[in-house]
Each structure stands twice: as structure tokens, then as C-alpha cells.
Amino acid sequence: MTSDFTQEIEEKLNLDTSPCYQCGKCSAGCPVRKFMDNPPHRIIHMVKMGLKEKVMNSSSIHICVTCGVCSDRCPREVKISELMNGLKNIAKEQGYDSEKEIIVFDKVFLEVIREHGRLFEAEFVPFYNLTSGHPLAMLDKAPHLVWHHKLHMLPERPKTIHDVRKIFEHFKK
């Protein structure tokens, strides 16, 4: 018997978690596993058990980079990377903010990319620091980076800036 949470997730994401038999191959191949509080196979197990609060408050769903290694390695063809990405989006929709700094990082990072067509560190770092509530973080690194020409004070606009903006407009719709 599936829980309401399991059913909700599987219907929203059009995925089936029941084939998973917890072999752990997904977690063994995950390149960011060491940063997660719950490896991918445990997230699937918690979804199947209906442990909504534990899943939605897990840092793992925000740390997952959806590279697809887990899905490729799965002998039962469970779409784990799609599950992780979907769980992250559902957690955001439902107001879970256990990983607020990751969400802030993503938002600021994408805004800087949208504006400049690529990452402009001299804008990104202070904007992220202010938004995340750590205004002076990494400030001591700036002189060294400027001195060694690793931190540019003016943004470089790539020739493809219009293409980058079209991509953002497409996904906005």
C-alpha cells in the first residue's frame, strides 16, 4: 500500500519508485554523494515509506546536480535524477526552505548569468553575500584575486549574450 505522499510524488512527476529494490548503485555512482545527508537510494526509500517531512527537509534534493549517473546505473530503470529534481521543485513550491542558502545561490547565480551571459564574479559574490546574510564573507580573498587577474572588475559580454537571454525568456514562459 502506498502512502499519500508517495502517490502525490509519483503522480506529479509521472514516475514509479516501486521497482527500486535498494541495491545502492545510484548512490555508489553519485558524484556529490559525500555532500548529501541522505544518498539517492535512501531518498527513494523515504519517498516509498511516505516520510514527507524527512524528504522535503533533506539537503540531498537541493545538492543533487541531476547529472543522471544514478538513473544510468539503475538496473530497474528508475528515473532517480528526475525524482530528485522534482522533489526539489515541490519542496520550493510548498515552502520548505531547509536549504535556503542553496536556493539563494541558485537564484543569484542565474540572475547574473541572465544579465551578463556568463558568470561575473565581481557582481555575483557581493550580491550573494548580501542576499544570504553574510555581507563580509570572502571579502579578504578579493585583493589576492584582483592582484593575480582572477577577478575582473568589468563584465565580459560574450557574443552569445542574445542567445543566453532567449533561453531565459523561453523558460520564463
C-alpha atoms as a PDB file:
ATOM      1  CA  MET A   1       0.000   0.000   0.000  1.00  0.00           C
ATOM      2  CA  THR A   2       1.427   3.370  -0.983  1.00  0.00           C
ATOM      3  CA  SER A   3       1.227   6.460   1.180  1.00  0.00           C
ATOM      4  CA  ASP A   4      -0.492   9.679   0.136  1.00  0.00           C
ATOM      5  CA  PHE A   5       2.900  11.337  -0.178  1.00  0.00           C
ATOM      6  CA  THR A   6       4.246   8.550  -2.412  1.00  0.00           C
ATOM      7  CA  GLN A   7       1.172   8.724  -4.605  1.00  0.00           C
ATOM      8  CA  GLU A   8       1.351  12.541  -4.796  1.00  0.00           C
ATOM      9  CA  ILE A   9       5.013  12.465  -5.855  1.00  0.00           C
ATOM     10  CA  GLU A  10       4.583   9.680  -8.388  1.00  0.00           C
ATOM     11  CA  GLU A  11       1.549  11.363  -9.972  1.00  0.00           C
ATOM     12  CA  LYS A  12       3.062  14.871 -10.068  1.00  0.00           C
ATOM     13  CA  LEU A  13       6.324  13.647 -11.537  1.00  0.00           C
ATOM     14  CA  ASN A  14       4.891  10.790 -13.599  1.00  0.00           C
ATOM     15  CA  LEU A  15       7.441   8.398 -12.066  1.00  0.00           C
ATOM     16  CA  ASP A  16       7.258   4.977 -10.475  1.00  0.00           C
ATOM     17  CA  THR A  17       9.509   4.314  -7.473  1.00  0.00           C
ATOM     18  CA  SER A  18       8.215   0.797  -6.789  1.00  0.00           C
ATOM     19  CA  PRO A  19      10.785  -1.043  -8.964  1.00  0.00           C
ATOM     20  CA  CYS A  20      13.614   0.177  -6.690  1.00  0.00           C
ATOM     21  CA  TYR A  21      14.941  -2.661  -4.542  1.00  0.00           C
ATOM     22  CA  GLN A  22      17.600  -0.612  -2.757  1.00  0.00           C
ATOM     23  CA  CYS A  23      20.694  -2.040  -4.450  1.00  0.00           C
ATOM     24  CA  GLY A  24      22.523   1.265  -3.857  1.00  0.00           C
ATOM     25  CA  LYS A  25      24.105   1.531  -7.317  1.00  0.00           C
ATOM     26  CA  CYS A  26      22.628   5.018  -7.694  1.00  0.00           C
ATOM     27  CA  SER A  27      24.299   6.209  -4.521  1.00  0.00           C
ATOM     28  CA  ALA A  28      27.580   4.465  -5.312  1.00  0.00           C
ATOM     29  CA  GLY A  29      27.909   6.390  -8.572  1.00  0.00           C
ATOM     30  CA  CYS A  30      26.689   9.769  -7.344  1.00  0.00           C
ATOM     31  CA  PRO A  31      29.463  12.387  -7.729  1.00  0.00           C
ATOM     32  CA  VAL A  32      28.033  14.615  -4.966  1.00  0.00           C
ATOM     33  CA  ARG A  33      27.043  11.826  -2.563  1.00  0.00           C
ATOM     34  CA  LYS A  34      29.603  12.878   0.042  1.00  0.00           C
ATOM     35  CA  PHE A  35      27.830  16.238   0.444  1.00  0.00           C
ATOM     36  CA  MET A  36      24.357  14.721   0.938  1.00  0.00           C
ATOM     37  CA  ASP A  37      22.667  13.934   4.221  1.00  0.00           C
ATOM     38  CA  ASN A  38      20.718  11.110   2.519  1.00  0.00           C
ATOM     39  CA  PRO A  39      22.052   9.296  -0.553  1.00  0.00           C
ATOM     40  CA  PRO A  40      19.726   8.826  -3.546  1.00  0.00           C
ATOM     41  CA  HIS A  41      18.676   5.269  -2.661  1.00  0.00           C
ATOM     42  CA  ARG A  42      17.657   6.431   0.820  1.00  0.00           C
ATOM     43  CA  ILE A  43      15.614   9.315  -0.650  1.00  0.00           C
ATOM     44  CA  ILE A  44      13.720   6.795  -2.790  1.00  0.00           C
ATOM     45  CA  HIS A  45      13.151   4.597   0.254  1.00  0.00           C
ATOM     46  CA  MET A  46      11.856   7.562   2.274  1.00  0.00           C
ATOM     47  CA  VAL A  47       9.505   8.526  -0.578  1.00  0.00           C
ATOM     48  CA  LYS A  48       8.208   4.956  -0.701  1.00  0.00           C
ATOM     49  CA  MET A  49       7.722   4.988   3.080  1.00  0.00           C
ATOM     50  CA  GLY A  50       5.797   8.276   2.934  1.00  0.00           C
ATOM     51  CA  LEU A  51       8.296  10.223   5.043  1.00  0.00           C
ATOM     52  CA  LYS A  52       7.396  13.605   3.555  1.00  0.00           C
ATOM     53  CA  GLU A  53       8.993  15.849   6.191  1.00  0.00           C
ATOM     54  CA  LYS A  54      12.303  13.979   6.077  1.00  0.00           C
ATOM     55  CA  VAL A  55      12.392  14.070   2.281  1.00  0.00           C
ATOM     56  CA  MET A  56      11.359  17.710   1.929  1.00  0.00           C
ATOM     57  CA  ASN A  57      13.849  18.824   4.588  1.00  0.00           C
ATOM     58  CA  SER A  58      16.733  16.787   3.199  1.00  0.00           C
ATOM     59  CA  SER A  59      19.667  18.735   1.782  1.00  0.00           C
ATOM     60  CA  SER A  60      20.155  15.958  -0.768  1.00  0.00           C
ATOM     61  CA  ILE A  61      17.342  17.094  -3.050  1.00  0.00           C
ATOM     62  CA  HIS A  62      18.969  20.529  -3.289  1.00  0.00           C
ATOM     63  CA  ILE A  63      22.536  19.275  -3.620  1.00  0.00           C
ATOM     64  CA  CYS A  64      21.727  16.835  -6.447  1.00  0.00           C
ATOM     65  CA  VAL A  65      23.119  18.184  -9.719  1.00  0.00           C
ATOM     66  CA  THR A  66      20.809  15.968 -11.830  1.00  0.00           C
ATOM     67  CA  CYS A  67      23.748  14.631 -13.831  1.00  0.00           C
ATOM     68  CA  GLY A  68      21.876  11.379 -14.495  1.00  0.00           C
ATOM     69  CA  VAL A  69      24.559   8.947 -13.327  1.00  0.00           C
ATOM     70  CA  CYS A  70      22.134   7.444 -10.805  1.00  0.00           C
ATOM     71  CA  SER A  71      19.458   6.872 -13.450  1.00  0.00           C
ATOM     72  CA  ASP A  72      22.005   5.380 -15.861  1.00  0.00           C
ATOM     73  CA  ARG A  73      23.291   2.952 -13.235  1.00  0.00           C
ATOM     74  CA  CYS A  74      19.855   1.831 -12.037  1.00  0.00           C
ATOM     75  CA  PRO A  75      19.221  -1.810 -13.033  1.00  0.00           C
ATOM     76  CA  ARG A  76      15.467  -1.217 -12.641  1.00  0.00           C
ATOM     77  CA  GLU A  77      15.464   1.971 -14.760  1.00  0.00           C
ATOM     78  CA  VAL A  78      14.076   4.198 -12.009  1.00  0.00           C
ATOM     79  CA  LYS A  79      14.443   7.828 -13.105  1.00  0.00           C
ATOM     80  CA  ILE A  80      16.169   8.938  -9.918  1.00  0.00           C
ATOM     81  CA  SER A  81      17.613  12.212 -11.194  1.00  0.00           C
ATOM     82  CA  GLU A  82      14.125  13.261 -12.362  1.00  0.00           C
ATOM     83  CA  LEU A  83      12.770  12.329  -8.928  1.00  0.00           C
ATOM     84  CA  MET A  84      15.422  14.402  -7.134  1.00  0.00           C
ATOM     85  CA  ASN A  85      14.842  17.440  -9.359  1.00  0.00           C
ATOM     86  CA  GLY A  86      11.073  17.102  -8.987  1.00  0.00           C
ATOM     87  CA  LEU A  87      11.344  16.817  -5.208  1.00  0.00           C
ATOM     88  CA  LYS A  88      13.448  19.995  -5.125  1.00  0.00           C
ATOM     89  CA  ASN A  89      10.806  21.867  -7.132  1.00  0.00           C
ATOM     90  CA  ILE A  90       7.945  20.528  -4.995  1.00  0.00           C
ATOM     91  CA  ALA A  91       9.799  21.471  -1.802  1.00  0.00           C
ATOM     92  CA  LYS A  92      10.236  25.004  -3.160  1.00  0.00           C
ATOM     93  CA  GLU A  93       6.544  25.213  -4.182  1.00  0.00           C
ATOM     94  CA  GLN A  94       5.368  24.000  -0.792  1.00  0.00           C
ATOM     95  CA  GLY A  95       7.538  26.433   1.166  1.00  0.00           C
ATOM     96  CA  TYR A  96      10.195  24.108   2.536  1.00  0.00           C
ATOM     97  CA  ASP A  97      13.361  26.138   2.840  1.00  0.00           C
ATOM     98  CA  SER A  98      15.708  23.781   4.625  1.00  0.00           C
ATOM     99  CA  GLU A  99      18.439  24.725   2.190  1.00  0.00           C
ATOM    100  CA  LYS A 100      17.732  28.433   1.916  1.00  0.00           C
ATOM    101  CA  GLU A 101      21.319  29.316   1.050  1.00  0.00           C
ATOM    102  CA  ILE A 102      21.366  26.846  -1.857  1.00  0.00           C
ATOM    103  CA  ILE A 103      18.121  28.326  -3.164  1.00  0.00           C
ATOM    104  CA  VAL A 104      19.516  31.862  -2.786  1.00  0.00           C
ATOM    105  CA  PHE A 105      22.750  30.804  -4.511  1.00  0.00           C
ATOM    106  CA  ASP A 106      20.813  29.343  -7.466  1.00  0.00           C
ATOM    107  CA  LYS A 107      18.637  32.430  -7.814  1.00  0.00           C
ATOM    108  CA  VAL A 108      21.523  34.934  -7.681  1.00  0.00           C
ATOM    109  CA  PHE A 109      23.747  32.792  -9.921  1.00  0.00           C
ATOM    110  CA  LEU A 110      21.076  32.539 -12.624  1.00  0.00           C
ATOM    111  CA  GLU A 111      20.260  36.238 -12.419  1.00  0.00           C
ATOM    112  CA  VAL A 112      23.914  37.173 -13.001  1.00  0.00           C
ATOM    113  CA  ILE A 113      24.138  34.700 -15.920  1.00  0.00           C
ATOM    114  CA  ARG A 114      20.917  36.116 -17.406  1.00  0.00           C
ATOM    115  CA  GLU A 115      22.215  39.669 -17.134  1.00  0.00           C
ATOM    116  CA  HIS A 116      25.751  39.154 -18.429  1.00  0.00           C
ATOM    117  CA  GLY A 117      25.577  35.943 -20.457  1.00  0.00           C
ATOM    118  CA  ARG A 118      28.183  34.359 -18.189  1.00  0.00           C
ATOM    119  CA  LEU A 119      29.290  34.484 -14.567  1.00  0.00           C
ATOM    120  CA  PHE A 120      30.601  37.862 -13.439  1.00  0.00           C
ATOM    121  CA  GLU A 121      32.170  37.134 -10.053  1.00  0.00           C
ATOM    122  CA  ALA A 122      32.645  40.770  -9.005  1.00  0.00           C
ATOM    123  CA  GLU A 123      28.858  41.157  -9.071  1.00  0.00           C
ATOM    124  CA  PHE A 124      27.859  37.644  -8.056  1.00  0.00           C
ATOM    125  CA  VAL A 125      29.847  37.331  -4.812  1.00  0.00           C
ATOM    126  CA  PRO A 126      28.750  40.582  -3.141  1.00  0.00           C
ATOM    127  CA  PHE A 127      25.147  40.129  -4.337  1.00  0.00           C
ATOM    128  CA  TYR A 128      25.080  36.568  -2.986  1.00  0.00           C
ATOM    129  CA  ASN A 129      26.742  37.620   0.282  1.00  0.00           C
ATOM    130  CA  LEU A 130      24.172  40.362   0.882  1.00  0.00           C
ATOM    131  CA  THR A 131      21.227  38.169  -0.119  1.00  0.00           C
ATOM    132  CA  SER A 132      22.339  35.241   2.026  1.00  0.00           C
ATOM    133  CA  GLY A 133      23.017  37.419   5.065  1.00  0.00           C
ATOM    134  CA  HIS A 134      26.826  37.114   5.069  1.00  0.00           C
ATOM    135  CA  PRO A 135      27.879  40.529   3.701  1.00  0.00           C
ATOM    136  CA  LEU A 136      31.576  40.243   4.512  1.00  0.00           C
ATOM    137  CA  ALA A 137      32.160  36.599   3.549  1.00  0.00           C
ATOM    138  CA  MET A 138      35.154  36.071   1.274  1.00  0.00           C
ATOM    139  CA  LEU A 139      35.953  39.791   1.284  1.00  0.00           C
ATOM    140  CA  ASP A 140      39.526  39.004   2.344  1.00  0.00           C
ATOM    141  CA  LYS A 141      40.041  36.993  -0.880  1.00  0.00           C
ATOM    142  CA  ALA A 142      39.268  39.874  -3.277  1.00  0.00           C
ATOM    143  CA  PRO A 143      42.654  41.699  -3.229  1.00  0.00           C
ATOM    144  CA  HIS A 144      44.557  38.487  -3.943  1.00  0.00           C
ATOM    145  CA  LEU A 145      42.213  37.593  -6.821  1.00  0.00           C
ATOM    146  CA  VAL A 146      42.419  41.082  -8.340  1.00  0.00           C
ATOM    147  CA  TRP A 147      46.220  41.164  -7.993  1.00  0.00           C
ATOM    148  CA  HIS A 148      46.519  37.829  -9.856  1.00  0.00           C
ATOM    149  CA  HIS A 149      43.994  38.884 -12.531  1.00  0.00           C
ATOM    150  CA  LYS A 150      41.479  36.250 -11.464  1.00  0.00           C
ATOM    151  CA  LEU A 151      38.752  38.723 -10.578  1.00  0.00           C
ATOM    152  CA  HIS A 152      37.750  41.159 -13.282  1.00  0.00           C
ATOM    153  CA  MET A 153      36.092  44.407 -12.280  1.00  0.00           C
ATOM    154  CA  LEU A 154      34.199  44.794 -15.563  1.00  0.00           C
ATOM    155  CA  PRO A 155      31.983  42.071 -17.041  1.00  0.00           C
ATOM    156  CA  GLU A 156      32.963  40.338 -20.248  1.00  0.00           C
ATOM    157  CA  ARG A 157      29.965  40.080 -22.550  1.00  0.00           C
ATOM    158  CA  PRO A 158      30.082  37.004 -24.738  1.00  0.00           C
ATOM    159  CA  LYS A 159      28.971  37.199 -28.364  1.00  0.00           C
ATOM    160  CA  THR A 160      26.179  34.789 -27.487  1.00  0.00           C
ATOM    161  CA  ILE A 161      24.512  37.070 -24.884  1.00  0.00           C
ATOM    162  CA  HIS A 162      21.369  37.322 -27.008  1.00  0.00           C
ATOM    163  CA  ASP A 163      21.151  33.528 -27.239  1.00  0.00           C
ATOM    164  CA  VAL A 164      21.523  33.239 -23.467  1.00  0.00           C
ATOM    165  CA  ARG A 165      18.725  35.760 -22.936  1.00  0.00           C
ATOM    166  CA  LYS A 166      16.499  33.869 -25.407  1.00  0.00           C
ATOM    167  CA  ILE A 167      16.997  30.716 -23.339  1.00  0.00           C
ATOM    168  CA  PHE A 168      15.930  32.542 -20.179  1.00  0.00           C
ATOM    169  CA  GLU A 169      12.894  34.021 -21.955  1.00  0.00           C
ATOM    170  CA  HIS A 170      11.922  30.585 -23.247  1.00  0.00           C
ATOM    171  CA  PHE A 171      11.984  29.066 -19.763  1.00  0.00           C
ATOM    172  CA  LYS A 172      10.178  32.046 -18.265  1.00  0.00           C
ATOM    173  CA  LYS A 173       7.176  31.133 -20.433  1.00  0.00           C
END
